[in-house]
């Protein structure tokens, strides 16, 4: 009888562990392999047609610094600053948004979204490029007020850290099609609420049911073990 109870306790514990969300390494750095059939524009440089690896830099200060490597990840093409970009609905596939440029120029990558994420990364362009993109697409484009320094050879880890820290203090603006510069806070200022929508959405997907379930499993496991111990005496 005690052996049966012990098996039940173990099975219940495994079932509870199976309910916990899985953690994948790629979800931390959002590593994504992208292949471009033609050349594409990135802030400060052009990527020729080919296969590249996009992933977030290993930084606890910002989750919107993107590094682009070659397919074998032994060459770093650049470390790029980005700002959060939002989608209403997540996609099961990687999404890359482009912006038009002048005739004869490659399309510029506007933003990159990892699968199943509503928040992505909108790239910050140098001021002259940002202004040209803003005029060509009649939209506001984030701009950095200092020139980027792309690194073609693979820098040492200490150098990479220095590059990331330097990006975090770059002054940013939003370039308007008119040539006017505005602060990021102005560009993302909340607009008037839509009619019929509540001021606050109800809380969903609370972890409390899962926590409660784990607590019940733990209590049941303890009670079963005590019962099994008493029966064996």
Protein backbone atom coordinates (compact mmCIF):
# COMPACT_ATOMS: atom_id res chain seq x y z
CA UNK A 1 0.00 0.00 0.00
CA UNK A 2 2.81 2.42 0.92
CA UNK A 3 4.57 1.78 -2.40
CA UNK A 4 1.36 2.60 -4.31
CA UNK A 5 0.93 5.86 -2.42
CA UNK A 6 4.55 6.79 -3.07
CA UNK A 7 4.05 6.26 -6.81
CA UNK A 8 0.91 8.40 -6.74
CA UNK A 9 2.80 11.20 -4.99
CA UNK A 10 5.63 11.07 -7.54
CA UNK A 11 3.21 11.09 -10.48
CA UNK A 12 1.35 14.07 -9.01
CA UNK A 13 4.61 15.93 -8.61
CA UNK A 14 5.64 15.23 -12.21
CA UNK A 15 2.21 16.36 -13.44
CA UNK A 16 2.54 19.64 -11.54
CA UNK A 17 6.01 20.24 -12.99
CA UNK A 18 4.64 19.64 -16.48
CA UNK A 19 2.26 22.58 -15.99
CA UNK A 20 5.11 25.04 -15.44
CA UNK A 21 6.12 27.12 -18.48
CA UNK A 22 9.12 25.86 -20.42
CA UNK A 23 12.17 28.14 -20.74
CA UNK A 24 14.10 28.10 -24.00
CA UNK A 25 17.55 29.61 -24.44
CA UNK A 26 16.56 31.22 -27.74
CA UNK A 27 13.74 33.10 -26.01
CA UNK A 28 16.25 35.03 -23.90
CA UNK A 29 18.33 36.34 -26.81
CA UNK A 30 15.57 35.79 -29.43
CA UNK A 31 18.10 34.25 -31.82
CA UNK A 32 16.65 34.26 -35.33
CA UNK A 33 18.15 33.16 -38.65
CA UNK A 34 17.07 35.45 -41.51
CA UNK A 35 17.82 35.05 -45.22
CA UNK A 36 17.50 38.05 -47.54
CA UNK A 37 17.20 37.54 -51.30
CA UNK A 38 18.39 41.11 -51.92
CA UNK A 39 20.45 43.66 -50.05
CA UNK A 40 18.77 45.40 -47.11
CA UNK A 41 19.59 48.58 -45.24
CA UNK A 42 20.47 48.62 -41.55
CA UNK A 43 21.39 51.70 -39.50
CA UNK A 44 24.67 52.98 -40.92
CA UNK A 45 25.34 50.09 -43.28
CA UNK A 46 23.99 47.71 -45.93
CA UNK A 47 23.66 43.93 -45.55
CA UNK A 48 24.19 42.11 -48.84
CA UNK A 49 21.89 39.27 -49.88
CA UNK A 50 22.56 36.25 -47.70
CA UNK A 51 21.85 34.56 -44.36
CA UNK A 52 22.30 36.36 -41.05
CA UNK A 53 21.71 35.70 -37.35
CA UNK A 54 19.81 38.37 -35.41
CA UNK A 55 19.81 38.22 -31.63
CA UNK A 56 19.61 40.47 -28.59
CA UNK A 57 22.84 41.50 -26.95
CA UNK A 58 23.58 39.99 -23.56
CA UNK A 59 22.70 43.10 -21.58
CA UNK A 60 20.69 43.46 -18.40
CA UNK A 61 20.41 47.22 -18.99
CA UNK A 62 18.42 47.04 -22.23
CA UNK A 63 16.50 44.32 -24.05
CA UNK A 64 16.46 46.33 -27.28
CA UNK A 65 20.06 46.15 -28.46
CA UNK A 66 20.32 43.88 -31.50
CA UNK A 67 23.45 42.20 -32.79
CA UNK A 68 23.71 40.89 -36.36
CA UNK A 69 26.15 38.07 -37.16
CA UNK A 70 26.96 36.01 -40.22
CA UNK A 71 25.45 32.52 -40.50
CA UNK A 72 28.31 30.89 -38.54
CA UNK A 73 28.24 33.61 -35.85
CA UNK A 74 31.99 34.20 -36.16
CA UNK A 75 31.65 37.69 -37.64
CA UNK A 76 29.73 40.55 -36.10
CA UNK A 77 28.29 42.98 -38.65
CA UNK A 78 27.04 45.47 -36.10
CA UNK A 79 25.42 46.20 -32.77
CA UNK A 80 22.27 48.25 -33.28
CA UNK A 81 20.18 50.29 -30.89
CA UNK A 82 16.39 49.83 -31.07
CA UNK A 83 13.30 51.01 -29.24
CA UNK A 84 10.21 48.93 -28.32
CA UNK A 85 7.71 48.41 -31.13
CA UNK A 86 4.22 47.03 -30.53
CA UNK A 87 1.94 44.70 -32.51
CA UNK A 88 -1.68 44.19 -31.56
CA UNK A 89 -1.56 40.45 -32.28
CA UNK A 90 1.51 38.19 -32.03
CA UNK A 91 2.53 36.04 -34.97
CA UNK A 92 3.71 32.44 -34.91
CA UNK A 93 6.43 33.41 -37.40
CA UNK A 94 9.22 35.97 -37.38
CA UNK A 95 8.06 39.35 -38.68
CA UNK A 96 10.40 41.85 -40.35
CA UNK A 97 8.96 45.25 -41.28
CA UNK A 98 10.57 47.30 -44.04
CA UNK A 99 10.52 50.95 -45.02
CA UNK A 100 10.75 52.26 -48.56
CA UNK A 101 13.78 54.22 -49.70
CA UNK A 102 14.63 56.23 -52.79
CA UNK A 103 14.48 54.37 -56.13
CA UNK A 104 17.50 52.13 -56.61
CA UNK A 105 18.24 51.90 -52.88
CA UNK A 106 17.67 48.73 -50.82
CA UNK A 107 14.71 48.59 -48.48
CA UNK A 108 15.47 49.58 -44.90
CA UNK A 109 14.60 47.25 -42.02
CA UNK A 110 12.21 49.12 -39.75
CA UNK A 111 11.48 46.54 -37.04
CA UNK A 112 11.95 42.88 -36.11
CA UNK A 113 9.50 40.75 -34.09
CA UNK A 114 10.34 37.39 -32.54
CA UNK A 115 7.59 34.73 -32.90
CA UNK A 116 4.69 34.89 -30.42
CA UNK A 117 5.72 38.32 -29.13
CA UNK A 118 3.60 41.47 -29.24
CA UNK A 119 6.66 43.66 -28.59
CA UNK A 120 9.50 43.86 -31.06
CA UNK A 121 12.49 46.05 -31.84
CA UNK A 122 12.31 49.18 -34.02
CA UNK A 123 15.76 50.17 -35.24
CA UNK A 124 17.18 53.61 -34.54
CA UNK A 125 18.82 55.18 -37.63
CA UNK A 126 21.45 57.92 -37.84
CA UNK A 127 19.86 61.35 -38.21
CA UNK A 128 20.37 61.78 -42.01
CA UNK A 129 19.02 58.28 -42.78
CA UNK A 130 16.13 58.69 -40.32
CA UNK A 131 15.10 61.99 -41.93
CA UNK A 132 15.22 60.46 -45.44
CA UNK A 133 13.11 57.48 -44.28
CA UNK A 134 10.63 59.79 -42.53
CA UNK A 135 10.12 61.81 -45.72
CA UNK A 136 9.95 58.76 -48.01
CA UNK A 137 7.37 56.97 -45.83
CA UNK A 138 5.57 60.00 -44.36
CA UNK A 139 6.07 58.71 -40.84
CA UNK A 140 8.15 59.39 -37.74
CA UNK A 141 11.45 57.53 -37.51
CA UNK A 142 13.65 57.19 -34.38
CA UNK A 143 17.05 58.78 -34.86
CA UNK A 144 20.34 58.75 -32.98
CA UNK A 145 22.21 62.03 -32.95
CA UNK A 146 25.67 60.45 -33.18
CA UNK A 147 27.10 58.35 -35.98
CA UNK A 148 27.08 54.55 -35.35
CA UNK A 149 30.34 52.64 -35.37
CA UNK A 150 29.71 49.24 -36.98
CA UNK A 151 32.26 46.54 -36.18
CA UNK A 152 33.05 44.13 -38.97
CA UNK A 153 35.66 41.92 -37.24
CA UNK A 154 34.52 40.02 -34.18
CA UNK A 155 35.45 42.28 -31.26
CA UNK A 156 36.70 40.95 -27.95
CA UNK A 157 34.03 40.44 -25.25
CA UNK A 158 35.28 43.48 -23.34
CA UNK A 159 35.01 45.61 -26.49
CA UNK A 160 31.46 44.36 -27.11
CA UNK A 161 30.47 45.37 -23.58
CA UNK A 162 31.97 48.82 -24.17
CA UNK A 163 30.00 49.19 -27.43
CA UNK A 164 26.74 48.23 -25.70
CA UNK A 165 27.35 50.65 -22.83
CA UNK A 166 28.10 53.44 -25.34
CA UNK A 167 24.79 52.82 -27.12
CA UNK A 168 22.84 53.20 -23.88
CA UNK A 169 23.81 56.87 -23.58
CA UNK A 170 23.22 57.87 -27.21
CA UNK A 171 20.78 60.82 -27.41
CA UNK A 172 17.62 59.91 -29.33
CA UNK A 173 14.96 61.92 -31.16
CA UNK A 174 12.07 61.22 -33.51
CA UNK A 175 12.46 62.66 -37.00
CA UNK A 176 9.21 63.90 -38.56
CA UNK A 177 8.66 64.08 -42.35
CA UNK A 178 8.76 67.88 -42.04
CA UNK A 179 12.31 67.76 -40.67
CA UNK A 180 11.17 68.66 -37.17
CA UNK A 181 12.71 66.78 -34.26
CA UNK A 182 10.61 65.74 -31.28
CA UNK A 183 11.36 63.82 -28.11
CA UNK A 184 10.51 60.13 -27.92
CA UNK A 185 8.12 60.86 -25.06
CA UNK A 186 6.13 63.19 -27.34
CA UNK A 187 6.00 60.59 -30.12
CA UNK A 188 4.58 57.95 -27.79
CA UNK A 189 2.33 60.20 -25.73
CA UNK A 190 -1.01 58.45 -25.07
CA UNK A 191 -3.86 59.64 -27.25
CA UNK A 192 -7.44 60.12 -26.09
CA UNK A 193 -9.12 56.80 -25.14
CA UNK A 194 -11.37 55.27 -27.73
CA UNK A 195 -15.10 55.55 -26.94
CA UNK A 196 -16.61 52.52 -25.26
CA UNK A 197 -13.30 51.15 -23.97
CA UNK A 198 -12.66 50.84 -20.21
CA UNK A 199 -9.86 52.85 -18.64
CA UNK A 200 -8.33 49.66 -17.26
CA UNK A 201 -8.49 46.19 -18.71
CA UNK A 202 -9.28 43.28 -16.37
CA UNK A 203 -6.34 41.26 -15.12
CA UNK A 204 -5.94 37.96 -16.95
CA UNK A 205 -3.60 35.00 -16.98
CA UNK A 206 -2.93 35.27 -13.26
CA UNK A 207 -0.38 32.76 -11.88
CA UNK A 208 -2.47 32.31 -8.69
CA UNK A 209 -4.35 29.19 -9.92
CA UNK A 210 -1.05 27.48 -10.75
CA UNK A 211 0.45 28.50 -7.40
CA UNK A 212 -2.64 27.17 -5.62
CA UNK A 213 -2.45 23.90 -7.54
CA UNK A 214 1.19 23.42 -6.60
CA UNK A 215 0.35 24.15 -2.97
CA UNK A 216 -2.42 21.53 -2.97
CA UNK A 217 -0.10 18.98 -4.59
CA UNK A 218 2.55 19.67 -1.92
CA UNK A 219 0.03 19.31 0.93
CA UNK A 220 -1.36 16.13 -0.59
CA UNK A 221 2.13 14.73 -1.04
CA UNK A 222 3.03 15.44 2.59
CA UNK A 223 -0.18 13.87 3.88
CA UNK A 224 0.29 10.77 1.72
CA UNK A 225 3.89 10.31 2.89
CA UNK A 226 2.84 10.62 6.55
CA UNK A 227 0.05 8.09 5.97
CA UNK A 228 2.49 5.71 4.25
CA UNK A 229 4.99 6.06 7.13
CA UNK A 230 2.29 5.35 9.73
CA UNK A 231 1.12 2.25 7.83
CA UNK A 232 4.64 0.87 7.65
CA UNK A 233 5.12 0.94 11.46
